[in-house]
PDB file of N, CA and C in Angstrom:
ATOM      1  N   UNK A   1      14.734 -21.555  20.538  1.00  0.00           N
ATOM      2  CA  UNK A   1      13.781 -21.833  18.723  1.00  0.00           C
ATOM      3  C   UNK A   1      12.666 -22.759  18.936  1.00  0.00           C
ATOM      4  N   UNK A   2      12.738 -23.712  20.202  1.00  0.00           N
ATOM      5  CA  UNK A   2      11.475 -24.608  20.700  1.00  0.00           C
ATOM      6  C   UNK A   2       9.968 -23.762  20.950  1.00  0.00           C
ATOM      7  N   UNK A   3      10.707 -22.431  20.777  1.00  0.00           N
ATOM      8  CA  UNK A   3       9.329 -21.315  20.958  1.00  0.00           C
ATOM      9  C   UNK A   3       8.689 -21.493  19.677  1.00  0.00           C
ATOM     10  N   UNK A   4       9.289 -21.614  18.147  1.00  0.00           N
ATOM     11  CA  UNK A   4       8.517 -21.559  17.891  1.00  0.00           C
ATOM     12  C   UNK A   4       7.675 -22.926  16.962  1.00  0.00           C
ATOM     13  N   UNK A   5       8.128 -24.276  17.658  1.00  0.00           N
ATOM     14  CA  UNK A   5       7.623 -24.983  17.031  1.00  0.00           C
ATOM     15  C   UNK A   5       5.915 -25.243  17.724  1.00  0.00           C
ATOM     16  N   UNK A   6       5.707 -24.323  18.438  1.00  0.00           N
ATOM     17  CA  UNK A   6       4.233 -24.944  18.696  1.00  0.00           C
ATOM     18  C   UNK A   6       3.409 -23.174  18.291  1.00  0.00           C
ATOM     19  N   UNK A   7       2.732 -23.729  17.479  1.00  0.00           N
ATOM     20  CA  UNK A   7       1.495 -23.086  17.074  1.00  0.00           C
ATOM     21  C   UNK A   7       0.860 -22.014  18.218  1.00  0.00           C
ATOM     22  N   UNK A   8       0.437 -22.328  19.476  1.00  0.00           N
ATOM     23  CA  UNK A   8       0.303 -21.079  19.794  1.00  0.00           C
ATOM     24  C   UNK A   8       0.878 -19.801  20.360  1.00  0.00           C
ATOM     25  N   UNK A   9       2.211 -20.086  20.073  1.00  0.00           N
ATOM     26  CA  UNK A   9       3.134 -18.817  20.000  1.00  0.00           C
ATOM     27  C   UNK A   9       3.323 -18.303  18.422  1.00  0.00           C
ATOM     28  N   UNK A  10       3.312 -19.055  17.428  1.00  0.00           N
ATOM     29  CA  UNK A  10       3.284 -18.628  15.918  1.00  0.00           C
ATOM     30  C   UNK A  10       2.102 -17.796  15.755  1.00  0.00           C
ATOM     31  N   UNK A  11       1.027 -17.648  15.984  1.00  0.00           N
ATOM     32  CA  UNK A  11      -0.115 -17.697  15.280  1.00  0.00           C
ATOM     33  C   UNK A  11       0.234 -15.600  15.997  1.00  0.00           C
ATOM     34  N   UNK A  12       0.555 -15.339  17.127  1.00  0.00           N
ATOM     35  CA  UNK A  12       0.444 -13.853  17.935  1.00  0.00           C
ATOM     36  C   UNK A  12       0.940 -13.377  17.721  1.00  0.00           C
ATOM     37  N   UNK A  13       2.547 -14.064  17.050  1.00  0.00           N
ATOM     38  CA  UNK A  13       3.895 -13.677  15.499  1.00  0.00           C
ATOM     39  C   UNK A  13       3.461 -12.896  14.586  1.00  0.00           C
ATOM     40  N   UNK A  14       2.742 -14.058  13.776  1.00  0.00           N
ATOM     41  CA  UNK A  14       2.950 -13.825  12.484  1.00  0.00           C
ATOM     42  C   UNK A  14       1.570 -12.301  12.906  1.00  0.00           C
ATOM     43  N   UNK A  15       0.447 -12.321  13.818  1.00  0.00           N
ATOM     44  CA  UNK A  15      -0.630 -11.244  13.250  1.00  0.00           C
ATOM     45  C   UNK A  15       0.471  -9.784  13.672  1.00  0.00           C
ATOM     46  N   UNK A  16       1.284 -10.561  14.726  1.00  0.00           N
ATOM     47  CA  UNK A  16       1.823  -8.987  14.887  1.00  0.00           C
ATOM     48  C   UNK A  16       3.062  -8.066  13.799  1.00  0.00           C
ATOM     49  N   UNK A  17       3.323  -9.668  13.251  1.00  0.00           N
ATOM     50  CA  UNK A  17       4.298  -9.317  12.092  1.00  0.00           C
ATOM     51  C   UNK A  17       2.982  -8.362  10.346  1.00  0.00           C
ATOM     52  N   UNK A  18       1.892  -9.073  10.250  1.00  0.00           N
ATOM     53  CA  UNK A  18       1.306  -9.065   9.359  1.00  0.00           C
ATOM     54  C   UNK A  18       0.300  -7.112  10.247  1.00  0.00           C
ATOM     55  N   UNK A  19       0.282  -7.306  11.579  1.00  0.00           N
ATOM     56  CA  UNK A  19      -0.261  -5.822  11.331  1.00  0.00           C
ATOM     57  C   UNK A  19       0.742  -4.964  11.540  1.00  0.00           C
ATOM     58  N   UNK A  20       1.802  -4.952  11.455  1.00  0.00           N
ATOM     59  CA  UNK A  20       2.768  -4.127  11.585  1.00  0.00           C
ATOM     60  C   UNK A  20       3.017  -3.776  10.226  1.00  0.00           C
ATOM     61  N   UNK A  21       3.530  -4.581   9.160  1.00  0.00           N
ATOM     62  CA  UNK A  21       3.322  -4.214   7.831  1.00  0.00           C
ATOM     63  C   UNK A  21       2.205  -3.900   7.166  1.00  0.00           C
ATOM     64  N   UNK A  22       1.190  -3.898   7.758  1.00  0.00           N
ATOM     65  CA  UNK A  22      -0.161  -3.190   7.181  1.00  0.00           C
ATOM     66  C   UNK A  22       0.071  -1.513   7.629  1.00  0.00           C
ATOM     67  N   UNK A  23       0.319  -1.185   8.651  1.00  0.00           N
ATOM     68  CA  UNK A  23       0.846  -0.014   9.464  1.00  0.00           C
ATOM     69  C   UNK A  23       1.925   0.942   8.334  1.00  0.00           C
ATOM     70  N   UNK A  24       2.950   0.339   8.522  1.00  0.00           N
ATOM     71  CA  UNK A  24       4.202   0.661   7.434  1.00  0.00           C
ATOM     72  C   UNK A  24       3.679   0.662   5.921  1.00  0.00           C
ATOM     73  N   UNK A  25       2.568  -0.216   5.103  1.00  0.00           N
ATOM     74  CA  UNK A  25       1.834   0.192   3.948  1.00  0.00           C
ATOM     75  C   UNK A  25       1.177   1.876   4.518  1.00  0.00           C
ATOM     76  N   UNK A  26       0.059   2.019   5.414  1.00  0.00           N
ATOM     77  CA  UNK A  26      -0.578   2.980   5.877  1.00  0.00           C
ATOM     78  C   UNK A  26       0.045   3.951   5.326  1.00  0.00           C
ATOM     79  N   UNK A  27       1.194   3.920   6.362  1.00  0.00           N
ATOM     80  CA  UNK A  27       2.092   5.075   6.385  1.00  0.00           C
ATOM     81  C   UNK A  27       2.533   5.919   5.155  1.00  0.00           C
ATOM     82  N   UNK A  28       3.491   4.497   4.622  1.00  0.00           N
ATOM     83  CA  UNK A  28       3.489   5.091   3.578  1.00  0.00           C
ATOM     84  C   UNK A  28       2.935   5.531   2.607  1.00  0.00           C
ATOM     85  N   UNK A  29       1.292   5.138   2.275  1.00  0.00           N
ATOM     86  CA  UNK A  29       0.811   5.591   1.330  1.00  0.00           C
ATOM     87  C   UNK A  29      -0.159   7.100   1.529  1.00  0.00           C
ATOM     88  N   UNK A  30       0.089   7.138   3.269  1.00  0.00           N
ATOM     89  CA  UNK A  30      -0.520   8.429   3.216  1.00  0.00           C
ATOM     90  C   UNK A  30       0.590   9.406   4.169  1.00  0.00           C
ATOM     91  N   UNK A  31       1.615   8.864   4.254  1.00  0.00           N
ATOM     92  CA  UNK A  31       2.380   9.698   5.226  1.00  0.00           C
ATOM     93  C   UNK A  31       2.851  10.967   4.523  1.00  0.00           C
ATOM     94  N   UNK A  32       3.234  10.814   3.106  1.00  0.00           N
ATOM     95  CA  UNK A  32       3.783  12.135   2.306  1.00  0.00           C
ATOM     96  C   UNK A  32       3.187  12.752   1.296  1.00  0.00           C
ATOM     97  N   UNK A  33       3.072  13.855   2.012  1.00  0.00           N
ATOM     98  CA  UNK A  33       1.522  15.005   1.309  1.00  0.00           C
ATOM     99  C   UNK A  33       2.577  15.026  -0.731  1.00  0.00           C
ATOM    100  N   UNK A  34       3.726  14.639  -1.511  1.00  0.00           N
ATOM    101  CA  UNK A  34       4.214  14.172  -2.448  1.00  0.00           C
ATOM    102  C   UNK A  34       3.834  13.180  -3.404  1.00  0.00           C
ATOM    103  N   UNK A  35       3.705  11.874  -2.119  1.00  0.00           N
ATOM    104  CA  UNK A  35       3.262  10.990  -2.618  1.00  0.00           C
ATOM    105  C   UNK A  35       1.795  11.165  -2.815  1.00  0.00           C
ATOM    106  N   UNK A  36       1.235  11.226  -2.060  1.00  0.00           N
ATOM    107  CA  UNK A  36      -0.478  11.354  -1.442  1.00  0.00           C
ATOM    108  C   UNK A  36      -1.016  12.279  -3.148  1.00  0.00           C
ATOM    109  N   UNK A  37      -0.360  12.890  -3.319  1.00  0.00           N
ATOM    110  CA  UNK A  37      -0.675  14.193  -4.357  1.00  0.00           C
ATOM    111  C   UNK A  37      -0.717  13.223  -5.956  1.00  0.00           C
ATOM    112  N   UNK A  38       0.606  12.409  -6.003  1.00  0.00           N
ATOM    113  CA  UNK A  38       0.721  11.493  -7.260  1.00  0.00           C
ATOM    114  C   UNK A  38      -0.346  10.250  -6.973  1.00  0.00           C
ATOM    115  N   UNK A  39      -0.833   9.708  -6.171  1.00  0.00           N
ATOM    116  CA  UNK A  39      -1.716   9.199  -5.862  1.00  0.00           C
ATOM    117  C   UNK A  39      -3.061   9.835  -6.244  1.00  0.00           C
ATOM    118  N   UNK A  40      -3.615  11.028  -5.883  1.00  0.00           N
ATOM    119  CA  UNK A  40      -4.235  11.811  -6.294  1.00  0.00           C
ATOM    120  C   UNK A  40      -5.025  11.733  -8.080  1.00  0.00           C
ATOM    121  N   UNK A  41      -3.973  12.103  -8.336  1.00  0.00           N
ATOM    122  CA  UNK A  41      -3.618  12.474  -9.711  1.00  0.00           C
ATOM    123  C   UNK A  41      -4.197  11.076 -10.788  1.00  0.00           C
ATOM    124  N   UNK A  42      -3.362   9.870 -10.105  1.00  0.00           N
ATOM    125  CA  UNK A  42      -4.060   9.137 -10.911  1.00  0.00           C
ATOM    126  C   UNK A  42      -5.113   8.035 -10.495  1.00  0.00           C
ATOM    127  N   UNK A  43      -5.610   8.760  -9.785  1.00  0.00           N
ATOM    128  CA  UNK A  43      -7.112   8.076  -8.995  1.00  0.00           C
ATOM    129  C   UNK A  43      -8.366   7.745 -10.096  1.00  0.00           C
ATOM    130  N   UNK A  44      -8.275   8.366 -11.012  1.00  0.00           N
ATOM    131  CA  UNK A  44      -9.730   8.631 -12.320  1.00  0.00           C
ATOM    132  C   UNK A  44      -9.116   7.933 -13.419  1.00  0.00           C
ATOM    133  N   UNK A  45      -7.967   7.593 -13.605  1.00  0.00           N
ATOM    134  CA  UNK A  45      -7.413   7.190 -14.634  1.00  0.00           C
ATOM    135  C   UNK A  45      -7.905   5.848 -15.852  1.00  0.00           C
ATOM    136  N   UNK A  46      -8.857   5.339 -14.499  1.00  0.00           N
ATOM    137  CA  UNK A  46      -9.867   4.051 -15.396  1.00  0.00           C
ATOM    138  C   UNK A  46     -11.022   5.015 -16.147  1.00  0.00           C
ATOM    139  N   UNK A  47     -11.483   6.657 -15.505  1.00  0.00           N
ATOM    140  CA  UNK A  47     -12.606   6.764 -15.743  1.00  0.00           C
ATOM    141  C   UNK A  47     -12.574   7.947 -16.720  1.00  0.00           C
ATOM    142  N   UNK A  48     -11.005   7.853 -17.218  1.00  0.00           N
ATOM    143  CA  UNK A  48     -10.507   8.929 -18.468  1.00  0.00           C
ATOM    144  C   UNK A  48     -10.702   7.935 -19.751  1.00  0.00           C
ATOM    145  N   UNK A  49     -11.324   9.253 -20.834  1.00  0.00           N
ATOM    146  CA  UNK A  49     -11.235   8.560 -22.091  1.00  0.00           C
ATOM    147  C   UNK A  49      -9.675   8.012 -22.522  1.00  0.00           C
ATOM    148  N   UNK A  50      -9.621   6.995 -23.576  1.00  0.00           N
ATOM    149  CA  UNK A  50      -8.160   7.016 -24.438  1.00  0.00           C
ATOM    150  C   UNK A  50      -7.309   8.193 -24.480  1.00  0.00           C
ATOM    151  N   UNK A  51      -7.785   8.981 -25.537  1.00  0.00           N
ATOM    152  CA  UNK A  51      -7.608  10.197 -26.014  1.00  0.00           C
ATOM    153  C   UNK A  51      -6.739  10.624 -24.835  1.00  0.00           C
ATOM    154  N   UNK A  52      -7.586  11.426 -23.582  1.00  0.00           N
ATOM    155  CA  UNK A  52      -7.228  11.666 -22.221  1.00  0.00           C
ATOM    156  C   UNK A  52      -5.747  11.096 -21.378  1.00  0.00           C
ATOM    157  N   UNK A  53      -6.179  10.238 -21.613  1.00  0.00           N
ATOM    158  CA  UNK A  53      -4.796   9.572 -21.251  1.00  0.00           C
ATOM    159  C   UNK A  53      -3.640   9.385 -22.249  1.00  0.00           C
ATOM    160  N   UNK A  54      -3.503   9.314 -23.018  1.00  0.00           N
ATOM    161  CA  UNK A  54      -2.458   9.698 -24.177  1.00  0.00           C
ATOM    162  C   UNK A  54      -1.640  10.789 -24.252  1.00  0.00           C
ATOM    163  N   UNK A  55      -2.694  12.094 -23.942  1.00  0.00           N
ATOM    164  CA  UNK A  55      -2.702  13.136 -23.684  1.00  0.00           C
ATOM    165  C   UNK A  55      -1.755  13.338 -22.404  1.00  0.00           C
ATOM    166  N   UNK A  56      -2.143  13.423 -21.000  1.00  0.00           N
ATOM    167  CA  UNK A  56      -1.586  13.491 -20.185  1.00  0.00           C
ATOM    168  C   UNK A  56      -0.156  12.670 -20.411  1.00  0.00           C
ATOM    169  N   UNK A  57       0.120  11.057 -20.677  1.00  0.00           N
ATOM    170  CA  UNK A  57       1.146  10.571 -20.342  1.00  0.00           C
ATOM    171  C   UNK A  57       2.377  11.435 -21.303  1.00  0.00           C
ATOM    172  N   UNK A  58       2.146  12.148 -22.695  1.00  0.00           N
ATOM    173  CA  UNK A  58       2.792  12.740 -23.267  1.00  0.00           C
ATOM    174  C   UNK A  58       3.186  14.214 -22.979  1.00  0.00           C
ATOM    175  N   UNK A  59       2.636  14.648 -21.637  1.00  0.00           N
ATOM    176  CA  UNK A  59       2.980  15.914 -21.442  1.00  0.00           C
ATOM    177  C   UNK A  59       1.941  16.690 -21.082  1.00  0.00           C
TER     178      UNK A  59
END
């Protein structure tokens, strides 16, 4: 545990943890075609009129 008390050892470990987390998030977003299709359907929601959003949410 003495290894964690030195800043020069924890910085690369933190970088590795954040890089792995980033890779997992990218894989989660782009890995599944079904999930990618859902994200594609929702990407233009901010540009739709309020009436169109209500119509899409009702069915």
